[in-house]
Amino acid sequence: MSVLEILRWPDPRLSQDCTPVEGEVGELAQDMLDTMYDARGRGLAAPQVGRMIRMFVMDVTWKEAAPNPMVAINPRISVEYNRFVLGEEACLSIPGVSAEIARPPRATMQWTDLDGARQSEVLTGAAARVALHEMDHLNGIVIFDRLDADRRAGGGICRLGPS
């Protein structure tokens, strides 16, 4: 178990699509959880630690309750409706920056867990927001990519989806 270096924007690896996970990733998953907790985050995607694979870890409740870590290998997310809710998001790869992002308050995620079992869960609230944020990383998207030029220069609301 170790804490990994988190890549900082504008590292070009943060803008790359990731490839599916093949093989054992248990040690990497534990290192990513250790890194996420050490950095006081709620989620961390593999490309943020220089591993260009489709995996992320998250734990949305650990700051208020007992840790409840999730490891999502080769996740897929679907959103069933067009309602969006604004929420502040920060990113461990862009320290000190946050943006208001509009995201669906509910999403269905399918993934493989560390035991190789397929999982499916409807995520709501913070869990949906964190999972969607981490999925962006797997697709080479950071919060700056959700901002137009005016918002990048002066802050403001960043929207994902229809206005």
N, C-alpha and C. Protein backbone atom coordinates (compact mmCIF):
# COMPACT_ATOMS: atom_id res chain seq x y z
N MET A 1 0.85 -1.18 0.00
CA MET A 1 0.00 0.00 0.00
C MET A 1 0.89 1.24 0.00
N SER A 2 0.55 2.15 -0.91
CA SER A 2 1.32 3.38 -0.97
C SER A 2 0.48 4.50 -1.56
N VAL A 3 0.94 5.70 -1.29
CA VAL A 3 0.31 6.88 -1.84
C VAL A 3 1.01 7.20 -3.15
N LEU A 4 0.23 7.34 -4.21
CA LEU A 4 0.76 7.59 -5.55
C LEU A 4 0.79 9.09 -5.84
N GLU A 5 1.62 9.48 -6.79
CA GLU A 5 1.64 10.86 -7.24
C GLU A 5 0.40 11.12 -8.10
N ILE A 6 -0.28 12.22 -7.82
CA ILE A 6 -1.45 12.61 -8.61
C ILE A 6 -0.99 13.57 -9.70
N LEU A 7 -1.31 13.24 -10.94
CA LEU A 7 -0.96 14.11 -12.06
C LEU A 7 -1.70 15.43 -11.93
N ARG A 8 -1.06 16.50 -12.33
CA ARG A 8 -1.66 17.83 -12.28
C ARG A 8 -1.93 18.31 -13.70
N TRP A 9 -3.07 18.98 -13.86
CA TRP A 9 -3.40 19.60 -15.11
C TRP A 9 -2.36 20.67 -15.39
N PRO A 10 -1.83 20.83 -16.58
CA PRO A 10 -2.29 20.34 -17.87
C PRO A 10 -1.55 19.10 -18.39
N ASP A 11 -1.17 18.18 -17.53
CA ASP A 11 -0.52 16.96 -18.01
C ASP A 11 -1.35 16.36 -19.14
N PRO A 12 -0.75 16.09 -20.31
CA PRO A 12 -1.53 15.62 -21.47
C PRO A 12 -2.22 14.27 -21.24
N ARG A 13 -1.76 13.47 -20.30
CA ARG A 13 -2.41 12.19 -20.04
C ARG A 13 -3.83 12.38 -19.50
N LEU A 14 -4.10 13.53 -18.89
CA LEU A 14 -5.43 13.80 -18.36
C LEU A 14 -6.44 14.07 -19.48
N SER A 15 -5.97 14.22 -20.70
CA SER A 15 -6.85 14.48 -21.86
C SER A 15 -6.98 13.27 -22.77
N GLN A 16 -6.54 12.11 -22.31
CA GLN A 16 -6.57 10.91 -23.15
C GLN A 16 -7.69 9.98 -22.72
N ASP A 17 -8.27 9.30 -23.72
CA ASP A 17 -9.22 8.23 -23.43
C ASP A 17 -8.46 7.04 -22.85
N CYS A 18 -9.08 6.34 -21.95
CA CYS A 18 -8.45 5.18 -21.32
C CYS A 18 -8.90 3.89 -21.99
N THR A 19 -8.07 2.86 -21.83
CA THR A 19 -8.37 1.55 -22.40
C THR A 19 -8.97 0.64 -21.33
N PRO A 20 -9.72 -0.37 -21.74
CA PRO A 20 -10.32 -1.29 -20.77
C PRO A 20 -9.26 -1.97 -19.90
N VAL A 21 -9.66 -2.28 -18.70
CA VAL A 21 -8.79 -2.99 -17.76
C VAL A 21 -8.71 -4.45 -18.17
N GLU A 22 -7.50 -4.96 -18.19
CA GLU A 22 -7.27 -6.39 -18.39
C GLU A 22 -6.27 -6.83 -17.34
N GLY A 23 -6.57 -7.89 -16.64
CA GLY A 23 -5.65 -8.40 -15.63
C GLY A 23 -5.97 -7.90 -14.23
N GLU A 24 -5.10 -8.22 -13.32
CA GLU A 24 -5.26 -7.96 -11.89
C GLU A 24 -4.94 -6.49 -11.58
N VAL A 25 -5.82 -5.84 -10.83
CA VAL A 25 -5.61 -4.44 -10.46
C VAL A 25 -5.84 -4.20 -8.96
N GLY A 26 -5.86 -5.26 -8.17
CA GLY A 26 -6.14 -5.12 -6.74
C GLY A 26 -5.16 -4.23 -6.01
N GLU A 27 -3.87 -4.39 -6.27
CA GLU A 27 -2.86 -3.56 -5.60
C GLU A 27 -3.00 -2.10 -6.04
N LEU A 28 -3.21 -1.88 -7.33
CA LEU A 28 -3.40 -0.51 -7.82
C LEU A 28 -4.64 0.11 -7.18
N ALA A 29 -5.73 -0.65 -7.09
CA ALA A 29 -6.96 -0.14 -6.49
C ALA A 29 -6.72 0.29 -5.04
N GLN A 30 -6.00 -0.53 -4.28
CA GLN A 30 -5.71 -0.16 -2.88
C GLN A 30 -4.83 1.08 -2.82
N ASP A 31 -3.82 1.16 -3.69
CA ASP A 31 -2.97 2.35 -3.72
C ASP A 31 -3.78 3.59 -4.10
N MET A 32 -4.72 3.43 -5.02
CA MET A 32 -5.57 4.57 -5.40
C MET A 32 -6.47 5.01 -4.24
N LEU A 33 -7.02 4.06 -3.51
CA LEU A 33 -7.82 4.42 -2.33
C LEU A 33 -6.96 5.13 -1.30
N ASP A 34 -5.77 4.60 -1.03
CA ASP A 34 -4.86 5.26 -0.08
C ASP A 34 -4.55 6.68 -0.53
N THR A 35 -4.33 6.85 -1.83
CA THR A 35 -4.01 8.17 -2.39
C THR A 35 -5.20 9.10 -2.27
N MET A 36 -6.40 8.62 -2.59
CA MET A 36 -7.61 9.43 -2.51
C MET A 36 -7.85 9.90 -1.07
N TYR A 37 -7.76 8.97 -0.12
CA TYR A 37 -7.98 9.35 1.29
C TYR A 37 -6.91 10.33 1.76
N ASP A 38 -5.66 10.09 1.39
CA ASP A 38 -4.56 10.97 1.79
C ASP A 38 -4.77 12.39 1.24
N ALA A 39 -5.31 12.49 0.02
CA ALA A 39 -5.54 13.79 -0.62
C ALA A 39 -6.88 14.40 -0.20
N ARG A 40 -7.64 13.69 0.63
CA ARG A 40 -8.93 14.15 1.14
C ARG A 40 -9.97 14.29 0.04
N GLY A 41 -9.88 13.39 -0.96
CA GLY A 41 -10.84 13.40 -2.05
C GLY A 41 -11.96 12.40 -1.82
N ARG A 42 -12.93 12.43 -2.72
CA ARG A 42 -14.05 11.48 -2.68
C ARG A 42 -14.01 10.53 -3.87
N GLY A 43 -13.13 10.80 -4.82
CA GLY A 43 -12.99 9.93 -5.98
C GLY A 43 -11.63 10.14 -6.61
N LEU A 44 -11.17 9.13 -7.33
CA LEU A 44 -9.88 9.21 -8.03
C LEU A 44 -9.91 8.21 -9.18
N ALA A 45 -9.59 8.70 -10.36
CA ALA A 45 -9.57 7.85 -11.55
C ALA A 45 -8.13 7.45 -11.88
N ALA A 46 -8.00 6.27 -12.47
CA ALA A 46 -6.66 5.73 -12.79
C ALA A 46 -5.81 6.71 -13.60
N PRO A 47 -6.35 7.42 -14.60
CA PRO A 47 -5.47 8.33 -15.34
C PRO A 47 -4.90 9.45 -14.47
N GLN A 48 -5.54 9.76 -13.36
CA GLN A 48 -5.01 10.80 -12.47
C GLN A 48 -3.73 10.37 -11.78
N VAL A 49 -3.46 9.07 -11.79
CA VAL A 49 -2.20 8.56 -11.24
C VAL A 49 -1.34 7.94 -12.34
N GLY A 50 -1.62 8.35 -13.58
CA GLY A 50 -0.79 7.93 -14.71
C GLY A 50 -1.07 6.55 -15.26
N ARG A 51 -2.15 5.91 -14.84
CA ARG A 51 -2.52 4.59 -15.37
C ARG A 51 -3.68 4.79 -16.33
N MET A 52 -3.47 4.54 -17.58
CA MET A 52 -4.46 4.89 -18.61
C MET A 52 -5.45 3.75 -18.84
N ILE A 53 -6.09 3.34 -17.76
CA ILE A 53 -7.08 2.26 -17.81
C ILE A 53 -8.41 2.75 -17.25
N ARG A 54 -9.48 2.04 -17.60
CA ARG A 54 -10.84 2.43 -17.22
C ARG A 54 -11.19 1.88 -15.83
N MET A 55 -10.70 2.59 -14.84
CA MET A 55 -10.96 2.21 -13.45
C MET A 55 -10.95 3.48 -12.60
N PHE A 56 -11.86 3.51 -11.64
CA PHE A 56 -11.80 4.57 -10.65
C PHE A 56 -12.22 4.03 -9.29
N VAL A 57 -11.86 4.78 -8.26
CA VAL A 57 -12.28 4.47 -6.90
C VAL A 57 -13.06 5.67 -6.38
N MET A 58 -13.97 5.40 -5.46
CA MET A 58 -14.72 6.49 -4.84
C MET A 58 -15.21 6.08 -3.47
N ASP A 59 -15.43 7.09 -2.65
CA ASP A 59 -16.03 6.90 -1.33
C ASP A 59 -16.65 8.23 -0.96
N VAL A 60 -17.95 8.36 -1.17
CA VAL A 60 -18.61 9.65 -0.98
C VAL A 60 -18.97 9.94 0.46
N THR A 61 -18.92 8.95 1.35
CA THR A 61 -19.39 9.17 2.72
C THR A 61 -18.28 9.19 3.76
N TRP A 62 -17.04 8.90 3.41
CA TRP A 62 -16.01 8.67 4.41
C TRP A 62 -15.72 9.89 5.28
N LYS A 63 -16.01 11.09 4.80
CA LYS A 63 -15.73 12.28 5.61
C LYS A 63 -16.77 12.48 6.71
N GLU A 64 -17.96 11.90 6.53
CA GLU A 64 -19.04 12.07 7.51
C GLU A 64 -19.37 10.78 8.26
N ALA A 65 -18.98 9.65 7.74
CA ALA A 65 -19.35 8.36 8.33
C ALA A 65 -18.21 7.37 8.10
N ALA A 66 -18.48 6.12 8.38
CA ALA A 66 -17.47 5.09 8.17
C ALA A 66 -17.13 4.98 6.69
N PRO A 67 -15.87 4.67 6.37
CA PRO A 67 -15.49 4.50 4.96
C PRO A 67 -16.35 3.43 4.28
N ASN A 68 -16.68 3.70 3.02
CA ASN A 68 -17.45 2.78 2.20
C ASN A 68 -16.88 2.82 0.78
N PRO A 69 -15.66 2.30 0.61
CA PRO A 69 -14.99 2.44 -0.69
C PRO A 69 -15.63 1.59 -1.78
N MET A 70 -15.56 2.12 -3.00
CA MET A 70 -16.03 1.41 -4.19
C MET A 70 -14.91 1.43 -5.22
N VAL A 71 -14.67 0.29 -5.84
CA VAL A 71 -13.72 0.19 -6.94
C VAL A 71 -14.52 -0.18 -8.18
N ALA A 72 -14.50 0.68 -9.18
CA ALA A 72 -15.26 0.47 -10.42
C ALA A 72 -14.29 0.17 -11.56
N ILE A 73 -14.34 -1.06 -12.04
CA ILE A 73 -13.49 -1.51 -13.15
C ILE A 73 -14.35 -1.57 -14.41
N ASN A 74 -13.85 -0.95 -15.47
CA ASN A 74 -14.57 -0.88 -16.75
C ASN A 74 -16.02 -0.44 -16.57
N PRO A 75 -16.23 0.69 -15.87
CA PRO A 75 -17.60 1.14 -15.60
C PRO A 75 -18.28 1.69 -16.85
N ARG A 76 -19.59 1.59 -16.82
CA ARG A 76 -20.47 2.23 -17.81
C ARG A 76 -21.57 2.92 -17.03
N ILE A 77 -21.92 4.12 -17.48
CA ILE A 77 -22.96 4.88 -16.80
C ILE A 77 -24.01 5.28 -17.82
N SER A 78 -25.28 5.16 -17.42
CA SER A 78 -26.37 5.65 -18.26
C SER A 78 -27.23 6.59 -17.43
N VAL A 79 -27.75 7.58 -18.11
CA VAL A 79 -28.62 8.57 -17.49
C VAL A 79 -29.95 8.49 -18.21
N GLU A 80 -31.02 8.34 -17.45
CA GLU A 80 -32.33 8.10 -18.05
C GLU A 80 -33.16 9.34 -18.31
N TYR A 81 -32.78 10.48 -17.79
CA TYR A 81 -33.63 11.65 -17.99
C TYR A 81 -32.78 12.91 -18.05
N ASN A 82 -33.44 14.03 -18.40
CA ASN A 82 -32.73 15.27 -18.69
C ASN A 82 -32.77 16.32 -17.59
N ARG A 83 -32.99 15.94 -16.37
CA ARG A 83 -32.97 16.91 -15.28
C ARG A 83 -31.54 17.06 -14.78
N PHE A 84 -31.13 18.29 -14.51
CA PHE A 84 -29.77 18.54 -14.06
C PHE A 84 -29.81 19.39 -12.79
N VAL A 85 -28.83 19.16 -11.92
CA VAL A 85 -28.72 19.89 -10.67
C VAL A 85 -27.32 20.48 -10.60
N LEU A 86 -27.23 21.77 -10.24
CA LEU A 86 -25.92 22.40 -10.08
C LEU A 86 -25.28 21.93 -8.79
N GLY A 87 -23.98 21.72 -8.84
CA GLY A 87 -23.22 21.37 -7.66
C GLY A 87 -21.76 21.73 -7.85
N GLU A 88 -21.13 22.12 -6.77
CA GLU A 88 -19.71 22.49 -6.83
C GLU A 88 -18.87 21.23 -6.93
N GLU A 89 -17.92 21.25 -7.85
CA GLU A 89 -16.98 20.15 -8.02
C GLU A 89 -15.56 20.68 -7.99
N ALA A 90 -14.71 19.91 -7.37
CA ALA A 90 -13.27 20.17 -7.38
C ALA A 90 -12.60 18.93 -7.94
N CYS A 91 -11.31 19.04 -8.18
CA CYS A 91 -10.59 17.92 -8.78
C CYS A 91 -9.20 17.82 -8.16
N LEU A 92 -8.81 16.62 -7.76
CA LEU A 92 -7.49 16.43 -7.16
C LEU A 92 -6.37 16.75 -8.14
N SER A 93 -6.64 16.72 -9.43
CA SER A 93 -5.63 17.05 -10.44
C SER A 93 -5.56 18.55 -10.74
N ILE A 94 -6.49 19.30 -10.19
CA ILE A 94 -6.51 20.76 -10.38
C ILE A 94 -6.72 21.40 -9.01
N PRO A 95 -5.72 21.33 -8.14
CA PRO A 95 -5.90 21.82 -6.77
C PRO A 95 -6.29 23.29 -6.71
N GLY A 96 -7.17 23.61 -5.77
CA GLY A 96 -7.55 24.98 -5.53
C GLY A 96 -8.59 25.53 -6.49
N VAL A 97 -9.09 24.72 -7.40
CA VAL A 97 -10.07 25.17 -8.39
C VAL A 97 -11.36 24.37 -8.20
N SER A 98 -12.47 25.07 -8.26
CA SER A 98 -13.76 24.38 -8.27
C SER A 98 -14.67 25.11 -9.25
N ALA A 99 -15.71 24.42 -9.68
CA ALA A 99 -16.66 24.99 -10.62
C ALA A 99 -18.04 24.43 -10.33
N GLU A 100 -19.04 25.22 -10.60
CA GLU A 100 -20.42 24.75 -10.51
C GLU A 100 -20.71 23.96 -11.78
N ILE A 101 -21.06 22.70 -11.62
CA ILE A 101 -21.31 21.81 -12.74
C ILE A 101 -22.76 21.32 -12.64
N ALA A 102 -23.46 21.33 -13.74
CA ALA A 102 -24.82 20.78 -13.78
C ALA A 102 -24.73 19.33 -14.22
N ARG A 103 -25.18 18.44 -13.36
CA ARG A 103 -25.16 17.01 -13.66
C ARG A 103 -26.51 16.41 -13.26
N PRO A 104 -26.84 15.28 -13.87
CA PRO A 104 -28.07 14.58 -13.45
C PRO A 104 -27.94 14.11 -12.00
N PRO A 105 -29.01 14.19 -11.22
CA PRO A 105 -28.94 13.75 -9.83
C PRO A 105 -29.04 12.23 -9.67
N ARG A 106 -29.19 11.53 -10.81
CA ARG A 106 -29.36 10.07 -10.76
C ARG A 106 -28.75 9.47 -12.01
N ALA A 107 -28.05 8.36 -11.83
CA ALA A 107 -27.45 7.64 -12.97
C ALA A 107 -27.34 6.17 -12.59
N THR A 108 -27.39 5.31 -13.59
CA THR A 108 -27.22 3.88 -13.37
C THR A 108 -25.82 3.50 -13.82
N MET A 109 -25.08 2.84 -12.93
CA MET A 109 -23.72 2.44 -13.26
C MET A 109 -23.61 0.92 -13.22
N GLN A 110 -22.94 0.37 -14.23
CA GLN A 110 -22.57 -1.04 -14.25
C GLN A 110 -21.04 -1.09 -14.25
N TRP A 111 -20.48 -2.03 -13.49
CA TRP A 111 -19.04 -2.15 -13.41
C TRP A 111 -18.68 -3.54 -12.94
N THR A 112 -17.40 -3.85 -13.03
CA THR A 112 -16.86 -5.09 -12.48
C THR A 112 -16.14 -4.74 -11.19
N ASP A 113 -16.36 -5.54 -10.15
CA ASP A 113 -15.68 -5.28 -8.88
C ASP A 113 -14.35 -6.05 -8.83
N LEU A 114 -13.63 -5.92 -7.74
CA LEU A 114 -12.32 -6.56 -7.62
C LEU A 114 -12.38 -8.08 -7.62
N ASP A 115 -13.54 -8.65 -7.30
CA ASP A 115 -13.70 -10.11 -7.34
C ASP A 115 -14.09 -10.61 -8.72
N GLY A 116 -14.23 -9.69 -9.69
CA GLY A 116 -14.61 -10.08 -11.04
C GLY A 116 -16.10 -10.19 -11.26
N ALA A 117 -16.91 -9.80 -10.27
CA ALA A 117 -18.36 -9.88 -10.38
C ALA A 117 -18.91 -8.60 -11.02
N ARG A 118 -19.89 -8.76 -11.89
CA ARG A 118 -20.56 -7.60 -12.50
C ARG A 118 -21.52 -7.02 -11.47
N GLN A 119 -21.51 -5.71 -11.37
CA GLN A 119 -22.36 -4.99 -10.43
C GLN A 119 -23.20 -3.98 -11.20
N SER A 120 -24.33 -3.62 -10.64
CA SER A 120 -25.17 -2.57 -11.20
C SER A 120 -25.84 -1.86 -10.03
N GLU A 121 -25.87 -0.54 -10.10
CA GLU A 121 -26.48 0.21 -9.01
C GLU A 121 -26.98 1.54 -9.55
N VAL A 122 -28.13 1.97 -9.04
CA VAL A 122 -28.63 3.31 -9.33
C VAL A 122 -27.98 4.23 -8.30
N LEU A 123 -27.23 5.20 -8.80
CA LEU A 123 -26.54 6.15 -7.93
C LEU A 123 -27.33 7.45 -7.91
N THR A 124 -27.43 8.05 -6.74
CA THR A 124 -28.14 9.32 -6.61
C THR A 124 -27.26 10.32 -5.87
N GLY A 125 -27.62 11.60 -6.00
CA GLY A 125 -26.96 12.65 -5.25
C GLY A 125 -25.46 12.68 -5.45
N ALA A 126 -24.73 12.75 -4.32
CA ALA A 126 -23.27 12.86 -4.37
C ALA A 126 -22.63 11.66 -5.07
N ALA A 127 -23.16 10.47 -4.88
CA ALA A 127 -22.59 9.28 -5.52
C ALA A 127 -22.68 9.39 -7.04
N ALA A 128 -23.82 9.87 -7.56
CA ALA A 128 -23.96 10.05 -9.00
C ALA A 128 -22.98 11.11 -9.49
N ARG A 129 -22.89 12.22 -8.78
CA ARG A 129 -21.99 13.31 -9.18
C ARG A 129 -20.53 12.83 -9.22
N VAL A 130 -20.09 12.15 -8.18
CA VAL A 130 -18.70 11.69 -8.13
C VAL A 130 -18.43 10.67 -9.24
N ALA A 131 -19.33 9.73 -9.43
CA ALA A 131 -19.13 8.72 -10.48
C ALA A 131 -19.08 9.37 -11.86
N LEU A 132 -19.95 10.34 -12.13
CA LEU A 132 -19.94 11.03 -13.42
C LEU A 132 -18.66 11.83 -13.61
N HIS A 133 -18.17 12.46 -12.55
CA HIS A 133 -16.91 13.21 -12.60
C HIS A 133 -15.75 12.26 -12.93
N GLU A 134 -15.71 11.12 -12.25
CA GLU A 134 -14.62 10.16 -12.50
C GLU A 134 -14.73 9.55 -13.90
N MET A 135 -15.95 9.31 -14.36
CA MET A 135 -16.13 8.82 -15.74
C MET A 135 -15.58 9.83 -16.74
N ASP A 136 -15.77 11.11 -16.47
CA ASP A 136 -15.18 12.13 -17.34
C ASP A 136 -13.68 11.90 -17.47
N HIS A 137 -13.01 11.64 -16.35
CA HIS A 137 -11.55 11.39 -16.40
C HIS A 137 -11.21 10.22 -17.30
N LEU A 138 -12.01 9.17 -17.27
CA LEU A 138 -11.73 7.99 -18.11
C LEU A 138 -11.90 8.31 -19.59
N ASN A 139 -12.63 9.39 -19.88
CA ASN A 139 -12.86 9.83 -21.25
C ASN A 139 -12.00 11.04 -21.62
N GLY A 140 -11.01 11.35 -20.78
CA GLY A 140 -10.10 12.45 -21.08
C GLY A 140 -10.67 13.83 -20.87
N ILE A 141 -11.63 13.96 -19.96
CA ILE A 141 -12.29 15.23 -19.71
C ILE A 141 -12.01 15.68 -18.28
N VAL A 142 -11.60 16.94 -18.11
CA VAL A 142 -11.44 17.54 -16.79
C VAL A 142 -12.42 18.69 -16.67
N ILE A 143 -12.60 19.22 -15.46
CA ILE A 143 -13.63 20.25 -15.27
C ILE A 143 -13.38 21.48 -16.15
N PHE A 144 -12.13 21.81 -16.47
CA PHE A 144 -11.87 22.93 -17.37
C PHE A 144 -12.52 22.71 -18.73
N ASP A 145 -12.62 21.46 -19.16
CA ASP A 145 -13.25 21.17 -20.45
C ASP A 145 -14.74 21.44 -20.43
N ARG A 146 -15.32 21.59 -19.27
CA ARG A 146 -16.74 21.90 -19.13
C ARG A 146 -16.99 23.41 -19.08
N LEU A 147 -15.92 24.21 -19.15
CA LEU A 147 -16.04 25.66 -19.07
C LEU A 147 -15.78 26.30 -20.42
N ASP A 148 -16.58 27.33 -20.76
CA ASP A 148 -16.27 28.10 -21.95
C ASP A 148 -15.16 29.10 -21.58
N ALA A 149 -14.64 29.84 -22.56
CA ALA A 149 -13.49 30.72 -22.33
C ALA A 149 -13.77 31.77 -21.26
N ASP A 150 -14.97 32.36 -21.27
CA ASP A 150 -15.30 33.37 -20.27
C ASP A 150 -15.31 32.77 -18.86
N ARG A 151 -15.86 31.60 -18.74
CA ARG A 151 -15.92 30.96 -17.42
C ARG A 151 -14.54 30.52 -16.95
N ARG A 152 -13.69 30.08 -17.88
CA ARG A 152 -12.32 29.72 -17.49
C ARG A 152 -11.59 30.93 -16.94
N ALA A 153 -11.81 32.10 -17.55
CA ALA A 153 -11.12 33.31 -17.14
C ALA A 153 -11.65 33.86 -15.82
N GLY A 154 -12.97 33.77 -15.62
CA GLY A 154 -13.54 34.45 -14.46
C GLY A 154 -14.40 33.61 -13.56
N GLY A 155 -14.39 32.30 -13.73
CA GLY A 155 -15.25 31.46 -12.90
C GLY A 155 -16.65 31.39 -13.46
N GLY A 156 -17.60 31.06 -12.65
CA GLY A 156 -18.98 31.01 -13.11
C GLY A 156 -19.49 29.59 -13.16
N ILE A 157 -20.58 29.44 -13.85
CA ILE A 157 -21.26 28.15 -13.89
C ILE A 157 -20.80 27.38 -15.10
N CYS A 158 -20.47 26.16 -14.86
CA CYS A 158 -20.09 25.23 -15.94
C CYS A 158 -21.24 24.25 -16.07
N ARG A 159 -21.72 24.03 -17.28
CA ARG A 159 -22.87 23.15 -17.46
C ARG A 159 -22.48 21.90 -18.25
N LEU A 160 -23.02 20.80 -17.83
CA LEU A 160 -22.91 19.53 -18.55
C LEU A 160 -24.31 19.20 -19.01
N GLY A 161 -24.52 19.16 -20.30
CA GLY A 161 -25.86 18.85 -20.81
C GLY A 161 -26.59 20.09 -21.26
N PRO A 162 -27.90 19.99 -21.48
CA PRO A 162 -28.66 21.12 -22.00
C PRO A 162 -28.76 22.26 -21.00
N SER A 163 -28.83 23.47 -21.51
CA SER A 163 -28.96 24.65 -20.64
C SER A 163 -30.38 24.83 -20.18
